[in-house]
Amino acid sequence: MNYHATDCVVLKQDLPEHGLRTGDIGTVVETYDSEAIEVEFVAPTGEARALLTLNVNDVRAVSADDMLAVRPR
């Protein structure tokens, strides 16, 4: 899939070294090529939690069936 800056994406795997879990939502901030994107994950308070370069296979597009949830860090 081709992502663009400001697209919301859902993480498909846990990344415990970054404090992220499957299902966390991020925003694409940069696209590098057809395989790599930079995604920012932000807390509801606006605090940036992680800024990562990921493979497009590490995320999926947000769908209308997704639900937002709150979890402790």
PDB file of N, CA and C in Angstrom:
ATOM      1  N   MET A   1       0.837  -1.185   0.000  1.00  0.00           N
ATOM      2  CA  MET A   1       0.000   0.000   0.000  1.00  0.00           C
ATOM      3  C   MET A   1       0.880   1.246   0.000  1.00  0.00           C
ATOM      4  N   ASN A   2       0.431   2.262  -0.665  1.00  0.00           N
ATOM      5  CA  ASN A   2       1.147   3.540  -0.688  1.00  0.00           C
ATOM      6  C   ASN A   2       0.569   4.455   0.381  1.00  0.00           C
ATOM      7  N   TYR A   3       1.417   4.875   1.305  1.00  0.00           N
ATOM      8  CA  TYR A   3       1.001   5.790   2.351  1.00  0.00           C
ATOM      9  C   TYR A   3       1.486   7.187   2.018  1.00  0.00           C
ATOM     10  N   HIS A   4       0.809   8.174   2.589  1.00  0.00           N
ATOM     11  CA  HIS A   4       1.159   9.573   2.377  1.00  0.00           C
ATOM     12  C   HIS A   4       1.275  10.263   3.733  1.00  0.00           C
ATOM     13  N   ALA A   5       1.985  11.373   3.765  1.00  0.00           N
ATOM     14  CA  ALA A   5       2.115  12.149   4.992  1.00  0.00           C
ATOM     15  C   ALA A   5       0.728  12.474   5.529  1.00  0.00           C
ATOM     16  N   THR A   6       0.566  12.344   6.812  1.00  0.00           N
ATOM     17  CA  THR A   6      -0.646  12.574   7.623  1.00  0.00           C
ATOM     18  C   THR A   6      -1.618  11.394   7.629  1.00  0.00           C
ATOM     19  N   ASP A   7      -1.318  10.324   6.892  1.00  0.00           N
ATOM     20  CA  ASP A   7      -2.160   9.125   6.977  1.00  0.00           C
ATOM     21  C   ASP A   7      -2.038   8.522   8.374  1.00  0.00           C
ATOM     22  N   CYS A   8      -3.151   8.068   8.938  1.00  0.00           N
ATOM     23  CA  CYS A   8      -3.121   7.329  10.201  1.00  0.00           C
ATOM     24  C   CYS A   8      -2.932   5.857   9.886  1.00  0.00           C
ATOM     25  N   VAL A   9      -2.083   5.212  10.676  1.00  0.00           N
ATOM     26  CA  VAL A   9      -1.803   3.786  10.486  1.00  0.00           C
ATOM     27  C   VAL A   9      -1.861   3.064  11.832  1.00  0.00           C
ATOM     28  N   VAL A  10      -2.049   1.753  11.766  1.00  0.00           N
ATOM     29  CA  VAL A  10      -2.139   0.911  12.947  1.00  0.00           C
ATOM     30  C   VAL A  10      -0.949  -0.045  12.957  1.00  0.00           C
ATOM     31  N   LEU A  11      -0.269  -0.105  14.074  1.00  0.00           N
ATOM     32  CA  LEU A  11       0.885  -0.990  14.222  1.00  0.00           C
ATOM     33  C   LEU A  11       0.421  -2.441  14.258  1.00  0.00           C
ATOM     34  N   LYS A  12       1.081  -3.306  13.486  1.00  0.00           N
ATOM     35  CA  LYS A  12       0.699  -4.710  13.386  1.00  0.00           C
ATOM     36  C   LYS A  12       1.491  -5.633  14.297  1.00  0.00           C
ATOM     37  N   GLN A  13       2.451  -5.103  15.044  1.00  0.00           N
ATOM     38  CA  GLN A  13       3.260  -5.955  15.926  1.00  0.00           C
ATOM     39  C   GLN A  13       3.723  -5.155  17.124  1.00  0.00           C
ATOM     40  N   ASP A  14       3.975  -5.838  18.223  1.00  0.00           N
ATOM     41  CA  ASP A  14       4.527  -5.180  19.402  1.00  0.00           C
ATOM     42  C   ASP A  14       5.949  -4.715  19.118  1.00  0.00           C
ATOM     43  N   LEU A  15       6.287  -3.543  19.624  1.00  0.00           N
ATOM     44  CA  LEU A  15       7.660  -3.024  19.587  1.00  0.00           C
ATOM     45  C   LEU A  15       8.006  -2.604  21.011  1.00  0.00           C
ATOM     46  N   PRO A  16       8.227  -3.585  21.901  1.00  0.00           N
ATOM     47  CA  PRO A  16       8.418  -3.283  23.316  1.00  0.00           C
ATOM     48  C   PRO A  16       9.614  -2.381  23.598  1.00  0.00           C
ATOM     49  N   GLU A  17      10.622  -2.419  22.744  1.00  0.00           N
ATOM     50  CA  GLU A  17      11.785  -1.561  22.952  1.00  0.00           C
ATOM     51  C   GLU A  17      11.444  -0.082  22.779  1.00  0.00           C
ATOM     52  N   HIS A  18      10.268   0.185  22.190  1.00  0.00           N
ATOM     53  CA  HIS A  18       9.810   1.562  21.997  1.00  0.00           C
ATOM     54  C   HIS A  18       8.532   1.847  22.799  1.00  0.00           C
ATOM     55  N   GLY A  19       8.107   0.873  23.614  1.00  0.00           N
ATOM     56  CA  GLY A  19       6.897   1.043  24.412  1.00  0.00           C
ATOM     57  C   GLY A  19       5.618   0.991  23.602  1.00  0.00           C
ATOM     58  N   LEU A  20       5.655   0.337  22.446  1.00  0.00           N
ATOM     59  CA  LEU A  20       4.493   0.271  21.565  1.00  0.00           C
ATOM     60  C   LEU A  20       3.937  -1.141  21.495  1.00  0.00           C
ATOM     61  N   ARG A  21       2.628  -1.217  21.292  1.00  0.00           N
ATOM     62  CA  ARG A  21       1.945  -2.513  21.195  1.00  0.00           C
ATOM     63  C   ARG A  21       1.128  -2.582  19.914  1.00  0.00           C
ATOM     64  N   THR A  22       0.852  -3.808  19.503  1.00  0.00           N
ATOM     65  CA  THR A  22      -0.022  -4.044  18.363  1.00  0.00           C
ATOM     66  C   THR A  22      -1.310  -3.254  18.557  1.00  0.00           C
ATOM     67  N   GLY A  23      -1.734  -2.558  17.534  1.00  0.00           N
ATOM     68  CA  GLY A  23      -2.961  -1.776  17.598  1.00  0.00           C
ATOM     69  C   GLY A  23      -2.750  -0.306  17.890  1.00  0.00           C
ATOM     70  N   ASP A  24      -1.536   0.079  18.317  1.00  0.00           N
ATOM     71  CA  ASP A  24      -1.276   1.492  18.550  1.00  0.00           C
ATOM     72  C   ASP A  24      -1.382   2.254  17.225  1.00  0.00           C
ATOM     73  N   ILE A  25      -1.893   3.463  17.307  1.00  0.00           N
ATOM     74  CA  ILE A  25      -2.122   4.275  16.115  1.00  0.00           C
ATOM     75  C   ILE A  25      -1.045   5.346  16.009  1.00  0.00           C
ATOM     76  N   GLY A  26      -0.531   5.503  14.803  1.00  0.00           N
ATOM     77  CA  GLY A  26       0.473   6.517  14.535  1.00  0.00           C
ATOM     78  C   GLY A  26       0.113   7.309  13.299  1.00  0.00           C
ATOM     79  N   THR A  27       0.890   8.343  13.043  1.00  0.00           N
ATOM     80  CA  THR A  27       0.687   9.193  11.866  1.00  0.00           C
ATOM     81  C   THR A  27       1.940   9.166  11.005  1.00  0.00           C
ATOM     82  N   VAL A  28       1.747   8.929   9.738  1.00  0.00           N
ATOM     83  CA  VAL A  28       2.867   8.961   8.795  1.00  0.00           C
ATOM     84  C   VAL A  28       3.345  10.405   8.683  1.00  0.00           C
ATOM     85  N   VAL A  29       4.639  10.610   8.895  1.00  0.00           N
ATOM     86  CA  VAL A  29       5.201  11.956   8.768  1.00  0.00           C
ATOM     87  C   VAL A  29       6.126  12.089   7.554  1.00  0.00           C
ATOM     88  N   GLU A  30       6.564  10.954   7.028  1.00  0.00           N
ATOM     89  CA  GLU A  30       7.450  10.985   5.850  1.00  0.00           C
ATOM     90  C   GLU A  30       7.360   9.646   5.142  1.00  0.00           C
ATOM     91  N   THR A  31       7.440   9.686   3.826  1.00  0.00           N
ATOM     92  CA  THR A  31       7.543   8.466   3.032  1.00  0.00           C
ATOM     93  C   THR A  31       8.884   8.517   2.316  1.00  0.00           C
ATOM     94  N   TYR A  32       9.598   7.399   2.367  1.00  0.00           N
ATOM     95  CA  TYR A  32      10.941   7.364   1.786  1.00  0.00           C
ATOM     96  C   TYR A  32      10.981   6.655   0.445  1.00  0.00           C
ATOM     97  N   ASP A  33      10.239   5.596   0.320  1.00  0.00           N
ATOM     98  CA  ASP A  33      10.125   4.861  -0.930  1.00  0.00           C
ATOM     99  C   ASP A  33       8.912   3.962  -0.779  1.00  0.00           C
ATOM    100  N   SER A  34       8.747   2.999  -1.652  1.00  0.00           N
ATOM    101  CA  SER A  34       7.558   2.146  -1.579  1.00  0.00           C
ATOM    102  C   SER A  34       7.598   1.192  -0.392  1.00  0.00           C
ATOM    103  N   GLU A  35       8.716   1.108   0.312  1.00  0.00           N
ATOM    104  CA  GLU A  35       8.864   0.159   1.423  1.00  0.00           C
ATOM    105  C   GLU A  35       9.025   0.796   2.793  1.00  0.00           C
ATOM    106  N   ALA A  36       9.457   2.054   2.878  1.00  0.00           N
ATOM    107  CA  ALA A  36       9.797   2.657   4.175  1.00  0.00           C
ATOM    108  C   ALA A  36       9.013   3.941   4.420  1.00  0.00           C
ATOM    109  N   ILE A  37       8.490   4.053   5.659  1.00  0.00           N
ATOM    110  CA  ILE A  37       7.781   5.252   6.079  1.00  0.00           C
ATOM    111  C   ILE A  37       8.226   5.621   7.491  1.00  0.00           C
ATOM    112  N   GLU A  38       8.134   6.897   7.807  1.00  0.00           N
ATOM    113  CA  GLU A  38       8.418   7.348   9.162  1.00  0.00           C
ATOM    114  C   GLU A  38       7.081   7.639   9.832  1.00  0.00           C
ATOM    115  N   VAL A  39       6.913   7.065  11.036  1.00  0.00           N
ATOM    116  CA  VAL A  39       5.636   7.160  11.736  1.00  0.00           C
ATOM    117  C   VAL A  39       5.868   7.720  13.131  1.00  0.00           C
ATOM    118  N   GLU A  40       5.026   8.671  13.515  1.00  0.00           N
ATOM    119  CA  GLU A  40       5.083   9.232  14.863  1.00  0.00           C
ATOM    120  C   GLU A  40       3.913   8.698  15.675  1.00  0.00           C
ATOM    121  N   PHE A  41       4.219   8.233  16.879  1.00  0.00           N
ATOM    122  CA  PHE A  41       3.217   7.750  17.823  1.00  0.00           C
ATOM    123  C   PHE A  41       3.147   8.767  18.953  1.00  0.00           C
ATOM    124  N   VAL A  42       1.936   9.234  19.259  1.00  0.00           N
ATOM    125  CA  VAL A  42       1.740  10.334  20.198  1.00  0.00           C
ATOM    126  C   VAL A  42       0.734   9.926  21.266  1.00  0.00           C
ATOM    127  N   ALA A  43       1.000  10.341  22.514  1.00  0.00           N
ATOM    128  CA  ALA A  43       0.062  10.127  23.613  1.00  0.00           C
ATOM    129  C   ALA A  43      -1.116  11.093  23.461  1.00  0.00           C
ATOM    130  N   PRO A  44      -2.249  10.799  24.085  1.00  0.00           N
ATOM    131  CA  PRO A  44      -3.399  11.706  23.994  1.00  0.00           C
ATOM    132  C   PRO A  44      -3.102  13.127  24.490  1.00  0.00           C
ATOM    133  N   THR A  45      -2.086  13.283  25.315  1.00  0.00           N
ATOM    134  CA  THR A  45      -1.703  14.598  25.816  1.00  0.00           C
ATOM    135  C   THR A  45      -0.909  15.399  24.786  1.00  0.00           C
ATOM    136  N   GLY A  46      -0.545  14.758  23.689  1.00  0.00           N
ATOM    137  CA  GLY A  46       0.240  15.413  22.657  1.00  0.00           C
ATOM    138  C   GLY A  46       1.723  15.126  22.741  1.00  0.00           C
ATOM    139  N   GLU A  47       2.136  14.405  23.784  1.00  0.00           N
ATOM    140  CA  GLU A  47       3.552  14.054  23.961  1.00  0.00           C
ATOM    141  C   GLU A  47       3.953  12.977  22.960  1.00  0.00           C
ATOM    142  N   ALA A  48       5.027  13.234  22.225  1.00  0.00           N
ATOM    143  CA  ALA A  48       5.535  12.225  21.282  1.00  0.00           C
ATOM    144  C   ALA A  48       6.102  11.053  22.063  1.00  0.00           C
ATOM    145  N   ARG A  49       5.702   9.849  21.706  1.00  0.00           N
ATOM    146  CA  ARG A  49       6.200   8.638  22.364  1.00  0.00           C
ATOM    147  C   ARG A  49       7.274   7.948  21.550  1.00  0.00           C
ATOM    148  N   ALA A  50       7.149   8.007  20.223  1.00  0.00           N
ATOM    149  CA  ALA A  50       8.147   7.348  19.364  1.00  0.00           C
ATOM    150  C   ALA A  50       8.046   7.932  17.959  1.00  0.00           C
ATOM    151  N   LEU A  51       9.185   8.037  17.315  1.00  0.00           N
ATOM    152  CA  LEU A  51       9.279   8.432  15.916  1.00  0.00           C
ATOM    153  C   LEU A  51      10.169   7.390  15.257  1.00  0.00           C
ATOM    154  N   LEU A  52       9.560   6.543  14.426  1.00  0.00           N
ATOM    155  CA  LEU A  52      10.258   5.370  13.904  1.00  0.00           C
ATOM    156  C   LEU A  52      10.160   5.269  12.392  1.00  0.00           C
ATOM    157  N   THR A  53      11.217   4.795  11.782  1.00  0.00           N
ATOM    158  CA  THR A  53      11.168   4.411  10.383  1.00  0.00           C
ATOM    159  C   THR A  53      10.767   2.946  10.339  1.00  0.00           C
ATOM    160  N   LEU A  54       9.658   2.668   9.674  1.00  0.00           N
ATOM    161  CA  LEU A  54       9.096   1.320   9.626  1.00  0.00           C
ATOM    162  C   LEU A  54       8.934   0.862   8.188  1.00  0.00           C
ATOM    163  N   ASN A  55       8.893  -0.435   8.019  1.00  0.00           N
ATOM    164  CA  ASN A  55       8.545  -1.030   6.738  1.00  0.00           C
ATOM    165  C   ASN A  55       7.032  -0.910   6.592  1.00  0.00           C
ATOM    166  N   VAL A  56       6.547  -0.721   5.392  1.00  0.00           N
ATOM    167  CA  VAL A  56       5.102  -0.590   5.196  1.00  0.00           C
ATOM    168  C   VAL A  56       4.349  -1.842   5.647  1.00  0.00           C
ATOM    169  N   ASN A  57       5.027  -2.981   5.723  1.00  0.00           N
ATOM    170  CA  ASN A  57       4.387  -4.214   6.179  1.00  0.00           C
ATOM    171  C   ASN A  57       4.218  -4.257   7.696  1.00  0.00           C
ATOM    172  N   ASP A  58       4.819  -3.306   8.422  1.00  0.00           N
ATOM    173  CA  ASP A  58       4.696  -3.247   9.875  1.00  0.00           C
ATOM    174  C   ASP A  58       3.411  -2.565  10.326  1.00  0.00           C
ATOM    175  N   VAL A  59       2.699  -1.942   9.389  1.00  0.00           N
ATOM    176  CA  VAL A  59       1.487  -1.202   9.710  1.00  0.00           C
ATOM    177  C   VAL A  59       0.383  -1.544   8.718  1.00  0.00           C
ATOM    178  N   ARG A  60      -0.811  -1.103   9.060  1.00  0.00           N
ATOM    179  CA  ARG A  60      -1.945  -1.194   8.138  1.00  0.00           C
ATOM    180  C   ARG A  60      -2.723   0.105   8.224  1.00  0.00           C
ATOM    181  N   ALA A  61      -3.548   0.341   7.251  1.00  0.00           N
ATOM    182  CA  ALA A  61      -4.375   1.543   7.260  1.00  0.00           C
ATOM    183  C   ALA A  61      -5.436   1.433   8.349  1.00  0.00           C
ATOM    184  N   VAL A  62      -5.830   2.556   8.898  1.00  0.00           N
ATOM    185  CA  VAL A  62      -6.933   2.602   9.854  1.00  0.00           C
ATOM    186  C   VAL A  62      -8.222   2.282   9.102  1.00  0.00           C
ATOM    187  N   SER A  63      -9.099   1.506   9.727  1.00  0.00           N
ATOM    188  CA  SER A  63     -10.374   1.179   9.081  1.00  0.00           C
ATOM    189  C   SER A  63     -11.537   1.708   9.915  1.00  0.00           C
ATOM    190  N   ALA A  64     -12.699   1.774   9.304  1.00  0.00           N
ATOM    191  CA  ALA A  64     -13.898   2.254   9.993  1.00  0.00           C
ATOM    192  C   ALA A  64     -14.320   1.320  11.122  1.00  0.00           C
ATOM    193  N   ASP A  65     -13.847   0.097  11.123  1.00  0.00           N
ATOM    194  CA  ASP A  65     -14.191  -0.866  12.174  1.00  0.00           C
ATOM    195  C   ASP A  65     -13.293  -0.762  13.395  1.00  0.00           C
ATOM    196  N   ASP A  66     -12.214   0.017  13.323  1.00  0.00           N
ATOM    197  CA  ASP A  66     -11.286   0.161  14.455  1.00  0.00           C
ATOM    198  C   ASP A  66     -11.925   0.974  15.568  1.00  0.00           C
ATOM    199  N   MET A  67     -11.547   0.641  16.801  1.00  0.00           N
ATOM    200  CA  MET A  67     -11.996   1.382  17.978  1.00  0.00           C
ATOM    201  C   MET A  67     -10.775   1.915  18.708  1.00  0.00           C
ATOM    202  N   LEU A  68     -10.868   3.137  19.214  1.00  0.00           N
ATOM    203  CA  LEU A  68      -9.802   3.699  20.009  1.00  0.00           C
ATOM    204  C   LEU A  68      -9.935   3.208  21.442  1.00  0.00           C
ATOM    205  N   ALA A  69      -8.812   3.030  22.120  1.00  0.00           N
ATOM    206  CA  ALA A  69      -8.811   2.578  23.503  1.00  0.00           C
ATOM    207  C   ALA A  69      -7.691   3.289  24.252  1.00  0.00           C
ATOM    208  N   VAL A  70      -7.791   3.290  25.564  1.00  0.00           N
ATOM    209  CA  VAL A  70      -6.760   3.869  26.401  1.00  0.00           C
ATOM    210  C   VAL A  70      -6.146   2.749  27.213  1.00  0.00           C
ATOM    211  N   ARG A  71      -4.824   2.739  27.313  1.00  0.00           N
ATOM    212  CA  ARG A  71      -4.130   1.727  28.105  1.00  0.00           C
ATOM    213  C   ARG A  71      -3.008   2.398  28.877  1.00  0.00           C
ATOM    214  N   PRO A  72      -2.696   1.868  30.049  1.00  0.00           N
ATOM    215  CA  PRO A  72      -1.570   2.447  30.778  1.00  0.00           C
ATOM    216  C   PRO A  72      -0.263   2.171  30.060  1.00  0.00           C
ATOM    217  N   ARG A  73       0.673   3.025  30.267  1.00  0.00           N
ATOM    218  CA  ARG A  73       1.982   2.892  29.633  1.00  0.00           C
ATOM    219  C   ARG A  73       2.676   1.713  30.147  1.00  0.00           C
TER     220      ARG A  73
END
